[in-house]
Amino acid sequence: MGLLDDAKDAAEATGKKVGEFVDDTKERASDKVDEMKADADVKRAESERDATKAKNEYKESLRD
């Protein structure tokens, strides 16, 4: 029974490692998506800031 128990333990350890790898990969992908969303939010905010600045400068030039 020793050989069978060793094989069972090895299979369980391998299964656990594979599960951890899958979880880690899923977490990395989720982190990357969050990072990309944050970058998109920053770019959108910068774009809105620049548009507002341009609008205000245009309005100021009309007052002159």
PDB file of N, CA and C in Angstrom:
ATOM      1  N   MET A   1       0.805  -1.201   0.000  1.00  0.00           N
ATOM      2  CA  MET A   1       0.000   0.000   0.000  1.00  0.00           C
ATOM      3  C   MET A   1       0.848   1.265   0.000  1.00  0.00           C
ATOM      4  N   GLY A   2       2.127   1.193   0.343  1.00  0.00           N
ATOM      5  CA  GLY A   2       2.981   2.358   0.405  1.00  0.00           C
ATOM      6  C   GLY A   2       3.105   3.050  -0.932  1.00  0.00           C
ATOM      7  N   LEU A   3       3.254   2.284  -2.010  1.00  0.00           N
ATOM      8  CA  LEU A   3       3.389   2.861  -3.350  1.00  0.00           C
ATOM      9  C   LEU A   3       2.098   3.561  -3.765  1.00  0.00           C
ATOM     10  N   LEU A   4       0.983   2.947  -3.451  1.00  0.00           N
ATOM     11  CA  LEU A   4      -0.312   3.540  -3.800  1.00  0.00           C
ATOM     12  C   LEU A   4      -0.549   4.829  -3.010  1.00  0.00           C
ATOM     13  N   ASP A   5      -0.178   4.827  -1.746  1.00  0.00           N
ATOM     14  CA  ASP A   5      -0.324   6.035  -0.922  1.00  0.00           C
ATOM     15  C   ASP A   5       0.587   7.148  -1.425  1.00  0.00           C
ATOM     16  N   ASP A   6       1.802   6.800  -1.811  1.00  0.00           N
ATOM     17  CA  ASP A   6       2.732   7.793  -2.351  1.00  0.00           C
ATOM     18  C   ASP A   6       2.189   8.409  -3.637  1.00  0.00           C
ATOM     19  N   ALA A   7       1.634   7.585  -4.496  1.00  0.00           N
ATOM     20  CA  ALA A   7       1.061   8.077  -5.749  1.00  0.00           C
ATOM     21  C   ALA A   7      -0.131   8.986  -5.476  1.00  0.00           C
ATOM     22  N   LYS A   8      -0.948   8.592  -4.499  1.00  0.00           N
ATOM     23  CA  LYS A   8      -2.110   9.402  -4.135  1.00  0.00           C
ATOM     24  C   LYS A   8      -1.653  10.761  -3.590  1.00  0.00           C
ATOM     25  N   ASP A   9      -0.648  10.751  -2.716  1.00  0.00           N
ATOM     26  CA  ASP A   9      -0.128  12.006  -2.162  1.00  0.00           C
ATOM     27  C   ASP A   9       0.462  12.896  -3.259  1.00  0.00           C
ATOM     28  N   ALA A  10       1.182  12.282  -4.184  1.00  0.00           N
ATOM     29  CA  ALA A  10       1.770  13.041  -5.290  1.00  0.00           C
ATOM     30  C   ALA A  10       0.685  13.645  -6.168  1.00  0.00           C
ATOM     31  N   ALA A  11      -0.368  12.896  -6.438  1.00  0.00           N
ATOM     32  CA  ALA A  11      -1.468  13.407  -7.254  1.00  0.00           C
ATOM     33  C   ALA A  11      -2.180  14.556  -6.548  1.00  0.00           C
ATOM     34  N   GLU A  12      -2.378  14.410  -5.237  1.00  0.00           N
ATOM     35  CA  GLU A  12      -3.029  15.484  -4.483  1.00  0.00           C
ATOM     36  C   GLU A  12      -2.163  16.750  -4.463  1.00  0.00           C
ATOM     37  N   ALA A  13      -0.861  16.579  -4.291  1.00  0.00           N
ATOM     38  CA  ALA A  13       0.046  17.727  -4.282  1.00  0.00           C
ATOM     39  C   ALA A  13       0.052  18.410  -5.643  1.00  0.00           C
ATOM     40  N   THR A  14       0.060  17.609  -6.699  1.00  0.00           N
ATOM     41  CA  THR A  14       0.035  18.172  -8.055  1.00  0.00           C
ATOM     42  C   THR A  14      -1.267  18.921  -8.296  1.00  0.00           C
ATOM     43  N   GLY A  15      -2.370  18.330  -7.880  1.00  0.00           N
ATOM     44  CA  GLY A  15      -3.667  18.990  -8.025  1.00  0.00           C
ATOM     45  C   GLY A  15      -3.719  20.302  -7.279  1.00  0.00           C
ATOM     46  N   LYS A  16      -3.136  20.309  -6.075  1.00  0.00           N
ATOM     47  CA  LYS A  16      -3.114  21.535  -5.281  1.00  0.00           C
ATOM     48  C   LYS A  16      -2.272  22.606  -5.975  1.00  0.00           C
ATOM     49  N   LYS A  17      -1.118  22.218  -6.507  1.00  0.00           N
ATOM     50  CA  LYS A  17      -0.251  23.172  -7.219  1.00  0.00           C
ATOM     51  C   LYS A  17      -0.959  23.742  -8.444  1.00  0.00           C
ATOM     52  N   VAL A  18      -1.623  22.876  -9.189  1.00  0.00           N
ATOM     53  CA  VAL A  18      -2.337  23.336 -10.386  1.00  0.00           C
ATOM     54  C   VAL A  18      -3.440  24.306  -9.984  1.00  0.00           C
ATOM     55  N   GLY A  19      -4.154  23.988  -8.919  1.00  0.00           N
ATOM     56  CA  GLY A  19      -5.213  24.879  -8.435  1.00  0.00           C
ATOM     57  C   GLY A  19      -4.662  26.234  -8.029  1.00  0.00           C
ATOM     58  N   GLU A  20      -3.528  26.230  -7.332  1.00  0.00           N
ATOM     59  CA  GLU A  20      -2.908  27.492  -6.929  1.00  0.00           C
ATOM     60  C   GLU A  20      -2.456  28.287  -8.144  1.00  0.00           C
ATOM     61  N   PHE A  21      -1.915  27.595  -9.141  1.00  0.00           N
ATOM     62  CA  PHE A  21      -1.471  28.269 -10.360  1.00  0.00           C
ATOM     63  C   PHE A  21      -2.658  28.933 -11.062  1.00  0.00           C
ATOM     64  N   VAL A  22      -3.768  28.215 -11.148  1.00  0.00           N
ATOM     65  CA  VAL A  22      -4.958  28.763 -11.800  1.00  0.00           C
ATOM     66  C   VAL A  22      -5.465  29.982 -11.028  1.00  0.00           C
ATOM     67  N   ASP A  23      -5.515  29.870  -9.708  1.00  0.00           N
ATOM     68  CA  ASP A  23      -5.970  31.007  -8.897  1.00  0.00           C
ATOM     69  C   ASP A  23      -5.050  32.218  -9.055  1.00  0.00           C
ATOM     70  N   ASP A  24      -3.743  31.972  -9.044  1.00  0.00           N
ATOM     71  CA  ASP A  24      -2.786  33.064  -9.220  1.00  0.00           C
ATOM     72  C   ASP A  24      -2.937  33.721 -10.590  1.00  0.00           C
ATOM     73  N   THR A  25      -3.106  32.911 -11.614  1.00  0.00           N
ATOM     74  CA  THR A  25      -3.259  33.442 -12.965  1.00  0.00           C
ATOM     75  C   THR A  25      -4.537  34.261 -13.077  1.00  0.00           C
ATOM     76  N   LYS A  26      -5.603  33.760 -12.485  1.00  0.00           N
ATOM     77  CA  LYS A  26      -6.878  34.492 -12.498  1.00  0.00           C
ATOM     78  C   LYS A  26      -6.728  35.823 -11.767  1.00  0.00           C
ATOM     79  N   GLU A  27      -6.038  35.815 -10.645  1.00  0.00           N
ATOM     80  CA  GLU A  27      -5.840  37.050  -9.881  1.00  0.00           C
ATOM     81  C   GLU A  27      -4.978  38.047 -10.655  1.00  0.00           C
ATOM     82  N   ARG A  28      -3.929  37.552 -11.322  1.00  0.00           N
ATOM     83  CA  ARG A  28      -3.084  38.446 -12.127  1.00  0.00           C
ATOM     84  C   ARG A  28      -3.889  39.085 -13.255  1.00  0.00           C
ATOM     85  N   ALA A  29      -4.731  38.289 -13.896  1.00  0.00           N
ATOM     86  CA  ALA A  29      -5.558  38.815 -14.989  1.00  0.00           C
ATOM     87  C   ALA A  29      -6.516  39.869 -14.452  1.00  0.00           C
ATOM     88  N   SER A  30      -7.107  39.597 -13.317  1.00  0.00           N
ATOM     89  CA  SER A  30      -8.028  40.557 -12.709  1.00  0.00           C
ATOM     90  C   SER A  30      -7.303  41.846 -12.341  1.00  0.00           C
ATOM     91  N   ASP A  31      -6.095  41.721 -11.804  1.00  0.00           N
ATOM     92  CA  ASP A  31      -5.304  42.900 -11.465  1.00  0.00           C
ATOM     93  C   ASP A  31      -4.977  43.723 -12.711  1.00  0.00           C
ATOM     94  N   LYS A  32      -4.659  43.042 -13.796  1.00  0.00           N
ATOM     95  CA  LYS A  32      -4.334  43.732 -15.049  1.00  0.00           C
ATOM     96  C   LYS A  32      -5.559  44.478 -15.580  1.00  0.00           C
ATOM     97  N   VAL A  33      -6.723  43.845 -15.499  1.00  0.00           N
ATOM     98  CA  VAL A  33      -7.959  44.501 -15.942  1.00  0.00           C
ATOM     99  C   VAL A  33      -8.220  45.744 -15.091  1.00  0.00           C
ATOM    100  N   ASP A  34      -8.049  45.612 -13.776  1.00  0.00           N
ATOM    101  CA  ASP A  34      -8.233  46.771 -12.892  1.00  0.00           C
ATOM    102  C   ASP A  34      -7.262  47.891 -13.244  1.00  0.00           C
ATOM    103  N   GLU A  35      -6.027  47.529 -13.536  1.00  0.00           N
ATOM    104  CA  GLU A  35      -5.017  48.521 -13.915  1.00  0.00           C
ATOM    105  C   GLU A  35      -5.407  49.230 -15.207  1.00  0.00           C
ATOM    106  N   MET A  36      -5.879  48.468 -16.171  1.00  0.00           N
ATOM    107  CA  MET A  36      -6.273  49.059 -17.449  1.00  0.00           C
ATOM    108  C   MET A  36      -7.479  49.972 -17.276  1.00  0.00           C
ATOM    109  N   LYS A  37      -8.424  49.586 -16.432  1.00  0.00           N
ATOM    110  CA  LYS A  37      -9.586  50.437 -16.160  1.00  0.00           C
ATOM    111  C   LYS A  37      -9.149  51.740 -15.500  1.00  0.00           C
ATOM    112  N   ALA A  38      -8.225  51.639 -14.557  1.00  0.00           N
ATOM    113  CA  ALA A  38      -7.736  52.845 -13.876  1.00  0.00           C
ATOM    114  C   ALA A  38      -7.032  53.767 -14.866  1.00  0.00           C
ATOM    115  N   ASP A  39      -6.230  53.195 -15.751  1.00  0.00           N
ATOM    116  CA  ASP A  39      -5.557  54.008 -16.767  1.00  0.00           C
ATOM    117  C   ASP A  39      -6.572  54.693 -17.676  1.00  0.00           C
ATOM    118  N   ALA A  40      -7.613  53.970 -18.047  1.00  0.00           N
ATOM    119  CA  ALA A  40      -8.655  54.552 -18.905  1.00  0.00           C
ATOM    120  C   ALA A  40      -9.372  55.682 -18.177  1.00  0.00           C
ATOM    121  N   ASP A  41      -9.634  55.497 -16.886  1.00  0.00           N
ATOM    122  CA  ASP A  41     -10.288  56.552 -16.104  1.00  0.00           C
ATOM    123  C   ASP A  41      -9.418  57.804 -16.040  1.00  0.00           C
ATOM    124  N   VAL A  42      -8.133  57.617 -15.865  1.00  0.00           N
ATOM    125  CA  VAL A  42      -7.209  58.754 -15.811  1.00  0.00           C
ATOM    126  C   VAL A  42      -7.192  59.475 -17.153  1.00  0.00           C
ATOM    127  N   LYS A  43      -7.110  58.718 -18.233  1.00  0.00           N
ATOM    128  CA  LYS A  43      -7.077  59.347 -19.562  1.00  0.00           C
ATOM    129  C   LYS A  43      -8.373  60.098 -19.844  1.00  0.00           C
ATOM    130  N   ARG A  44      -9.512  59.521 -19.434  1.00  0.00           N
ATOM    131  CA  ARG A  44     -10.787  60.201 -19.639  1.00  0.00           C
ATOM    132  C   ARG A  44     -10.829  61.487 -18.829  1.00  0.00           C
ATOM    133  N   ALA A  45     -10.360  61.444 -17.586  1.00  0.00           N
ATOM    134  CA  ALA A  45     -10.351  62.637 -16.739  1.00  0.00           C
ATOM    135  C   ALA A  45      -9.432  63.706 -17.321  1.00  0.00           C
ATOM    136  N   GLU A  46      -8.276  63.292 -17.832  1.00  0.00           N
ATOM    137  CA  GLU A  46      -7.367  64.254 -18.454  1.00  0.00           C
ATOM    138  C   GLU A  46      -7.995  64.872 -19.688  1.00  0.00           C
ATOM    139  N   SER A  47      -8.688  64.062 -20.455  1.00  0.00           N
ATOM    140  CA  SER A  47      -9.354  64.561 -21.657  1.00  0.00           C
ATOM    141  C   SER A  47     -10.440  65.573 -21.297  1.00  0.00           C
ATOM    142  N   GLU A  48     -11.226  65.255 -20.272  1.00  0.00           N
ATOM    143  CA  GLU A  48     -12.267  66.176 -19.828  1.00  0.00           C
ATOM    144  C   GLU A  48     -11.654  67.473 -19.309  1.00  0.00           C
ATOM    145  N   ARG A  49     -10.540  67.360 -18.586  1.00  0.00           N
ATOM    146  CA  ARG A  49      -9.849  68.551 -18.083  1.00  0.00           C
ATOM    147  C   ARG A  49      -9.378  69.423 -19.240  1.00  0.00           C
ATOM    148  N   ASP A  50      -8.776  68.780 -20.241  1.00  0.00           N
ATOM    149  CA  ASP A  50      -8.269  69.536 -21.389  1.00  0.00           C
ATOM    150  C   ASP A  50      -9.403  70.184 -22.176  1.00  0.00           C
ATOM    151  N   ALA A  51     -10.520  69.475 -22.297  1.00  0.00           N
ATOM    152  CA  ALA A  51     -11.669  70.036 -23.016  1.00  0.00           C
ATOM    153  C   ALA A  51     -12.236  71.238 -22.261  1.00  0.00           C
ATOM    154  N   THR A  52     -12.319  71.107 -20.956  1.00  0.00           N
ATOM    155  CA  THR A  52     -12.823  72.222 -20.145  1.00  0.00           C
ATOM    156  C   THR A  52     -11.887  73.423 -20.231  1.00  0.00           C
ATOM    157  N   LYS A  53     -10.594  73.156 -20.182  1.00  0.00           N
ATOM    158  CA  LYS A  53      -9.608  74.235 -20.295  1.00  0.00           C
ATOM    159  C   LYS A  53      -9.733  74.937 -21.642  1.00  0.00           C
ATOM    160  N   ALA A  54      -9.870  74.169 -22.718  1.00  0.00           N
ATOM    161  CA  ALA A  54     -10.007  74.756 -24.054  1.00  0.00           C
ATOM    162  C   ALA A  54     -11.285  75.577 -24.153  1.00  0.00           C
ATOM    163  N   LYS A  55     -12.365  75.055 -23.580  1.00  0.00           N
ATOM    164  CA  LYS A  55     -13.637  75.784 -23.610  1.00  0.00           C
ATOM    165  C   LYS A  55     -13.517  77.102 -22.857  1.00  0.00           C
ATOM    166  N   ASN A  56     -12.890  77.038 -21.682  1.00  0.00           N
ATOM    167  CA  ASN A  56     -12.734  78.256 -20.888  1.00  0.00           C
ATOM    168  C   ASN A  56     -11.826  79.273 -21.579  1.00  0.00           C
ATOM    169  N   GLU A  57     -10.782  78.813 -22.221  1.00  0.00           N
ATOM    170  CA  GLU A  57      -9.903  79.718 -22.950  1.00  0.00           C
ATOM    171  C   GLU A  57     -10.645  80.359 -24.124  1.00  0.00           C
ATOM    172  N   TYR A  58     -11.470  79.579 -24.807  1.00  0.00           N
ATOM    173  CA  TYR A  58     -12.244  80.120 -25.909  1.00  0.00           C
ATOM    174  C   TYR A  58     -13.213  81.185 -25.407  1.00  0.00           C
ATOM    175  N   LYS A  59     -13.913  80.884 -24.309  1.00  0.00           N
ATOM    176  CA  LYS A  59     -14.850  81.848 -23.753  1.00  0.00           C
ATOM    177  C   LYS A  59     -14.131  83.122 -23.306  1.00  0.00           C
ATOM    178  N   GLU A  60     -12.935  82.937 -22.740  1.00  0.00           N
ATOM    179  CA  GLU A  60     -12.155  84.101 -22.319  1.00  0.00           C
ATOM    180  C   GLU A  60     -11.746  84.945 -23.523  1.00  0.00           C
ATOM    181  N   SER A  61     -11.408  84.300 -24.626  1.00  0.00           N
ATOM    182  CA  SER A  61     -11.017  85.065 -25.823  1.00  0.00           C
ATOM    183  C   SER A  61     -12.202  85.827 -26.402  1.00  0.00           C
ATOM    184  N   LEU A  62     -13.409  85.322 -26.214  1.00  0.00           N
ATOM    185  CA  LEU A  62     -14.597  86.036 -26.688  1.00  0.00           C
ATOM    186  C   LEU A  62     -14.856  87.282 -25.856  1.00  0.00           C
ATOM    187  N   ARG A  63     -14.432  87.266 -24.611  1.00  0.00           N
ATOM    188  CA  ARG A  63     -14.651  88.418 -23.731  1.00  0.00           C
ATOM    189  C   ARG A  63     -13.690  89.573 -24.047  1.00  0.00           C
ATOM    190  N   ASP A  64     -12.578  89.257 -24.672  1.00  0.00           N
ATOM    191  CA  ASP A  64     -11.582  90.289 -24.956  1.00  0.00           C
ATOM    192  C   ASP A  64     -11.990  91.189 -26.070  1.00  0.00           C
TER     193      ASP A  64
END
